[in-house]
Amino acid sequence: MGAPVMAFCRIDKLPIRSREPVYHPDVLLIQDSTLLHQVDVFAGLSSQAIVLINSSRNVDALRLTDFVTQHPGVQMYTLPASDLALKHLGRPFANIGMIAGYAALTGEVTKASVNQAIKDKFSGGIGGLNVAVAAEVYDYVAANLAKV
């Protein structure tokens, strides 16, 4: 919470040696939709990118219709990750939901890998609650978002 933060992640089957920032992302996971009109979150975005936004509102309600029209190759989705985390954790932490949403939407990371990473990071009951968040996000994506 506080100042806007950007983080980068590269995913590949081969070892990745590059440690420089990603200037032309293929995927954006936007955890805070209030930044959409405050910061140029779409700078350098690939013309065929996937954008997943943490919001219970749709793309039209977020006033992104013009962007989508001007960038027809970009696939933009919204996911109520904070709402689903709040339901299970009692706190609106979007991080697990956004990663699970990305994995479910693209198939780049398996559900089993997401669950294992959660269990490795969070032990005990909190791990189980975060796995429940990830599972519900998978179900939400399957029911509401088209697969890439």
C-alpha atoms as a PDB file:
ATOM      1  CA  MET A   1       0.000   0.000   0.000  1.00  0.00           C
ATOM      2  CA  GLY A   2       1.241   3.482  -0.717  1.00  0.00           C
ATOM      3  CA  ALA A   3       3.208   4.503  -3.781  1.00  0.00           C
ATOM      4  CA  PRO A   4       2.649   2.635  -7.069  1.00  0.00           C
ATOM      5  CA  VAL A   5       5.021  -0.309  -7.462  1.00  0.00           C
ATOM      6  CA  MET A   6       5.976  -2.160 -10.626  1.00  0.00           C
ATOM      7  CA  ALA A   7       7.485  -5.631 -10.504  1.00  0.00           C
ATOM      8  CA  PHE A   8       8.665  -7.831 -13.336  1.00  0.00           C
ATOM      9  CA  CYS A   9       8.704 -11.568 -13.820  1.00  0.00           C
ATOM     10  CA  ARG A  10       9.968 -13.635 -16.711  1.00  0.00           C
ATOM     11  CA  ILE A  11       8.644 -17.137 -17.313  1.00  0.00           C
ATOM     12  CA  ASP A  12      10.354 -19.635 -19.576  1.00  0.00           C
ATOM     13  CA  LYS A  13      11.160 -23.331 -19.716  1.00  0.00           C
ATOM     14  CA  LEU A  14      14.845 -22.448 -20.094  1.00  0.00           C
ATOM     15  CA  PRO A  15      17.034 -20.648 -17.530  1.00  0.00           C
ATOM     16  CA  ILE A  16      16.627 -16.878 -17.662  1.00  0.00           C
ATOM     17  CA  ARG A  17      19.788 -14.878 -17.157  1.00  0.00           C
ATOM     18  CA  SER A  18      18.460 -11.386 -17.903  1.00  0.00           C
ATOM     19  CA  ARG A  19      17.801  -9.263 -14.808  1.00  0.00           C
ATOM     20  CA  GLU A  20      16.850  -6.012 -16.504  1.00  0.00           C
ATOM     21  CA  PRO A  21      13.341  -4.548 -16.364  1.00  0.00           C
ATOM     22  CA  VAL A  22      10.739  -5.737 -18.850  1.00  0.00           C
ATOM     23  CA  TYR A  23      10.143  -2.866 -21.268  1.00  0.00           C
ATOM     24  CA  HIS A  24       7.627  -4.585 -23.582  1.00  0.00           C
ATOM     25  CA  PRO A  25       5.508  -6.932 -21.458  1.00  0.00           C
ATOM     26  CA  ASP A  26       3.369  -9.652 -22.971  1.00  0.00           C
ATOM     27  CA  VAL A  27       1.239  -9.816 -19.824  1.00  0.00           C
ATOM     28  CA  LEU A  28       0.156  -7.228 -17.263  1.00  0.00           C
ATOM     29  CA  LEU A  29      -1.360  -8.139 -13.923  1.00  0.00           C
ATOM     30  CA  ILE A  30      -2.784  -4.948 -12.438  1.00  0.00           C
ATOM     31  CA  GLN A  31      -3.593  -5.362  -8.755  1.00  0.00           C
ATOM     32  CA  ASP A  32      -4.855  -1.820  -8.159  1.00  0.00           C
ATOM     33  CA  SER A  33      -7.367  -0.574 -10.740  1.00  0.00           C
ATOM     34  CA  THR A  34      -7.247   2.943  -9.273  1.00  0.00           C
ATOM     35  CA  LEU A  35      -3.870   3.330 -11.001  1.00  0.00           C
ATOM     36  CA  LEU A  36      -5.324   2.854 -14.480  1.00  0.00           C
ATOM     37  CA  HIS A  37      -5.835   6.558 -15.038  1.00  0.00           C
ATOM     38  CA  GLN A  38      -3.057   7.787 -12.723  1.00  0.00           C
ATOM     39  CA  VAL A  39      -0.010   5.970 -14.119  1.00  0.00           C
ATOM     40  CA  ASP A  40       0.738   4.855 -17.678  1.00  0.00           C
ATOM     41  CA  VAL A  41       0.456   1.169 -16.832  1.00  0.00           C
ATOM     42  CA  PHE A  42       0.174   0.257 -20.518  1.00  0.00           C
ATOM     43  CA  ALA A  43       3.505   1.847 -21.566  1.00  0.00           C
ATOM     44  CA  GLY A  44       5.430  -0.462 -23.893  1.00  0.00           C
ATOM     45  CA  LEU A  45       2.707  -3.101 -23.857  1.00  0.00           C
ATOM     46  CA  SER A  46       3.035  -5.751 -26.554  1.00  0.00           C
ATOM     47  CA  SER A  47       0.425  -5.436 -29.320  1.00  0.00           C
ATOM     48  CA  GLN A  48      -0.743  -9.005 -28.551  1.00  0.00           C
ATOM     49  CA  ALA A  49      -0.644  -8.702 -24.760  1.00  0.00           C
ATOM     50  CA  ILE A  50      -2.925 -10.088 -22.097  1.00  0.00           C
ATOM     51  CA  VAL A  51      -4.074  -7.701 -19.367  1.00  0.00           C
ATOM     52  CA  LEU A  52      -5.685  -8.997 -16.187  1.00  0.00           C
ATOM     53  CA  ILE A  53      -7.061  -6.318 -13.871  1.00  0.00           C
ATOM     54  CA  ASN A  54      -8.114  -6.833 -10.265  1.00  0.00           C
ATOM     55  CA  SER A  55     -11.614  -5.367 -10.287  1.00  0.00           C
ATOM     56  CA  SER A  56     -15.215  -6.410  -9.817  1.00  0.00           C
ATOM     57  CA  ARG A  57     -16.083  -3.926 -12.577  1.00  0.00           C
ATOM     58  CA  ASN A  58     -15.858  -4.733 -16.283  1.00  0.00           C
ATOM     59  CA  VAL A  59     -13.622  -3.059 -18.872  1.00  0.00           C
ATOM     60  CA  ASP A  60     -16.355  -0.587 -19.889  1.00  0.00           C
ATOM     61  CA  ALA A  61     -16.966   0.479 -16.286  1.00  0.00           C
ATOM     62  CA  LEU A  62     -13.216   1.022 -15.867  1.00  0.00           C
ATOM     63  CA  ARG A  63     -13.334   3.403 -18.868  1.00  0.00           C
ATOM     64  CA  LEU A  64     -10.922   1.301 -20.925  1.00  0.00           C
ATOM     65  CA  THR A  65     -13.127   0.771 -23.967  1.00  0.00           C
ATOM     66  CA  ASP A  66     -11.176   3.308 -26.059  1.00  0.00           C
ATOM     67  CA  PHE A  67      -7.880   1.602 -25.231  1.00  0.00           C
ATOM     68  CA  VAL A  68      -9.284  -1.803 -26.213  1.00  0.00           C
ATOM     69  CA  THR A  69     -10.689  -0.373 -29.461  1.00  0.00           C
ATOM     70  CA  GLN A  70      -7.346   1.217 -30.352  1.00  0.00           C
ATOM     71  CA  HIS A  71      -5.413  -1.978 -29.477  1.00  0.00           C
ATOM     72  CA  PRO A  72      -7.484  -4.838 -30.957  1.00  0.00           C
ATOM     73  CA  GLY A  73      -4.768  -7.447 -30.347  1.00  0.00           C
ATOM     74  CA  VAL A  74      -4.732  -6.834 -26.605  1.00  0.00           C
ATOM     75  CA  GLN A  75      -6.934  -9.190 -24.584  1.00  0.00           C
ATOM     76  CA  MET A  76      -8.220  -7.458 -21.462  1.00  0.00           C
ATOM     77  CA  TYR A  77      -9.992  -9.163 -18.573  1.00  0.00           C
ATOM     78  CA  THR A  78     -11.150  -8.219 -15.105  1.00  0.00           C
ATOM     79  CA  LEU A  79     -11.100 -10.517 -12.095  1.00  0.00           C
ATOM     80  CA  PRO A  80     -12.425  -9.738  -8.589  1.00  0.00           C
ATOM     81  CA  ALA A  81      -9.276 -11.096  -6.923  1.00  0.00           C
ATOM     82  CA  SER A  82      -9.552  -8.848  -3.854  1.00  0.00           C
ATOM     83  CA  ASP A  83     -13.185  -9.839  -3.313  1.00  0.00           C
ATOM     84  CA  LEU A  84     -12.357 -13.550  -3.520  1.00  0.00           C
ATOM     85  CA  ALA A  85      -9.396 -13.158  -1.151  1.00  0.00           C
ATOM     86  CA  LEU A  86     -11.567 -11.214   1.297  1.00  0.00           C
ATOM     87  CA  LYS A  87     -14.065 -14.082   1.282  1.00  0.00           C
ATOM     88  CA  HIS A  88     -11.420 -16.659   2.286  1.00  0.00           C
ATOM     89  CA  LEU A  89      -8.759 -14.648   4.119  1.00  0.00           C
ATOM     90  CA  GLY A  90     -10.747 -11.810   5.613  1.00  0.00           C
ATOM     91  CA  ARG A  91      -8.284  -9.432   3.914  1.00  0.00           C
ATOM     92  CA  PRO A  92      -8.384  -8.120   0.314  1.00  0.00           C
ATOM     93  CA  PHE A  93      -4.954  -9.389  -0.765  1.00  0.00           C
ATOM     94  CA  ALA A  94      -5.098  -9.745  -4.552  1.00  0.00           C
ATOM     95  CA  ASN A  95      -1.666 -11.311  -5.154  1.00  0.00           C
ATOM     96  CA  ILE A  96      -2.572 -15.025  -4.957  1.00  0.00           C
ATOM     97  CA  GLY A  97      -5.763 -14.501  -6.947  1.00  0.00           C
ATOM     98  CA  MET A  98      -3.962 -12.604  -9.694  1.00  0.00           C
ATOM     99  CA  ILE A  99      -1.296 -15.295 -10.082  1.00  0.00           C
ATOM    100  CA  ALA A 100      -3.926 -18.044 -10.079  1.00  0.00           C
ATOM    101  CA  GLY A 101      -5.982 -16.051 -12.586  1.00  0.00           C
ATOM    102  CA  TYR A 102      -2.976 -15.693 -14.876  1.00  0.00           C
ATOM    103  CA  ALA A 103      -2.230 -19.409 -14.603  1.00  0.00           C
ATOM    104  CA  ALA A 104      -5.835 -20.413 -15.271  1.00  0.00           C
ATOM    105  CA  LEU A 105      -6.244 -17.978 -18.163  1.00  0.00           C
ATOM    106  CA  THR A 106      -3.042 -18.830 -20.019  1.00  0.00           C
ATOM    107  CA  GLY A 107      -2.088 -22.355 -18.957  1.00  0.00           C
ATOM    108  CA  GLU A 108       1.543 -21.139 -18.696  1.00  0.00           C
ATOM    109  CA  VAL A 109       1.720 -22.290 -15.074  1.00  0.00           C
ATOM    110  CA  THR A 110      -0.159 -25.338 -13.838  1.00  0.00           C
ATOM    111  CA  LYS A 111      -2.665 -25.286 -11.030  1.00  0.00           C
ATOM    112  CA  ALA A 112      -0.522 -27.827  -9.188  1.00  0.00           C
ATOM    113  CA  SER A 113       2.505 -25.523  -9.458  1.00  0.00           C
ATOM    114  CA  VAL A 114       0.539 -22.582  -8.085  1.00  0.00           C
ATOM    115  CA  ASN A 115      -0.725 -24.685  -5.177  1.00  0.00           C
ATOM    116  CA  GLN A 116       2.768 -26.002  -4.422  1.00  0.00           C
ATOM    117  CA  ALA A 117       4.250 -22.502  -4.474  1.00  0.00           C
ATOM    118  CA  ILE A 118       1.557 -21.348  -2.048  1.00  0.00           C
ATOM    119  CA  LYS A 119       2.232 -24.277   0.283  1.00  0.00           C
ATOM    120  CA  ASP A 120       5.990 -23.637   0.106  1.00  0.00           C
ATOM    121  CA  LYS A 121       5.515 -19.969   1.033  1.00  0.00           C
ATOM    122  CA  PHE A 122       2.650 -20.191   3.539  1.00  0.00           C
ATOM    123  CA  SER A 123       2.530 -22.968   6.103  1.00  0.00           C
ATOM    124  CA  GLY A 124      -0.434 -24.291   8.034  1.00  0.00           C
ATOM    125  CA  GLY A 125      -3.896 -22.812   7.911  1.00  0.00           C
ATOM    126  CA  ILE A 126      -2.967 -19.668   5.998  1.00  0.00           C
ATOM    127  CA  GLY A 127      -1.543 -21.857   3.229  1.00  0.00           C
ATOM    128  CA  GLY A 128      -4.800 -23.767   3.039  1.00  0.00           C
ATOM    129  CA  LEU A 129      -6.811 -20.547   2.879  1.00  0.00           C
ATOM    130  CA  ASN A 130      -4.619 -19.228   0.068  1.00  0.00           C
ATOM    131  CA  VAL A 131      -5.009 -22.512  -1.825  1.00  0.00           C
ATOM    132  CA  ALA A 132      -8.786 -22.021  -1.453  1.00  0.00           C
ATOM    133  CA  VAL A 133      -8.441 -18.530  -2.964  1.00  0.00           C
ATOM    134  CA  ALA A 134      -6.484 -19.962  -5.899  1.00  0.00           C
ATOM    135  CA  ALA A 135      -9.045 -22.740  -6.416  1.00  0.00           C
ATOM    136  CA  GLU A 136     -11.963 -20.313  -6.456  1.00  0.00           C
ATOM    137  CA  VAL A 137     -10.128 -18.057  -8.911  1.00  0.00           C
ATOM    138  CA  TYR A 138      -9.560 -21.039 -11.215  1.00  0.00           C
ATOM    139  CA  ASP A 139     -13.285 -21.796 -11.088  1.00  0.00           C
ATOM    140  CA  TYR A 140     -14.136 -18.139 -11.698  1.00  0.00           C
ATOM    141  CA  VAL A 141     -11.839 -17.959 -14.730  1.00  0.00           C
ATOM    142  CA  ALA A 142     -13.266 -21.187 -16.167  1.00  0.00           C
ATOM    143  CA  ALA A 143     -16.833 -19.924 -15.760  1.00  0.00           C
ATOM    144  CA  ASN A 144     -16.399 -16.275 -16.739  1.00  0.00           C
ATOM    145  CA  LEU A 145     -13.305 -15.676 -18.870  1.00  0.00           C
ATOM    146  CA  ALA A 146     -12.461 -17.110 -22.286  1.00  0.00           C
ATOM    147  CA  LYS A 147      -9.272 -19.170 -22.425  1.00  0.00           C
ATOM    148  CA  VAL A 148      -6.407 -17.601 -24.355  1.00  0.00           C
END
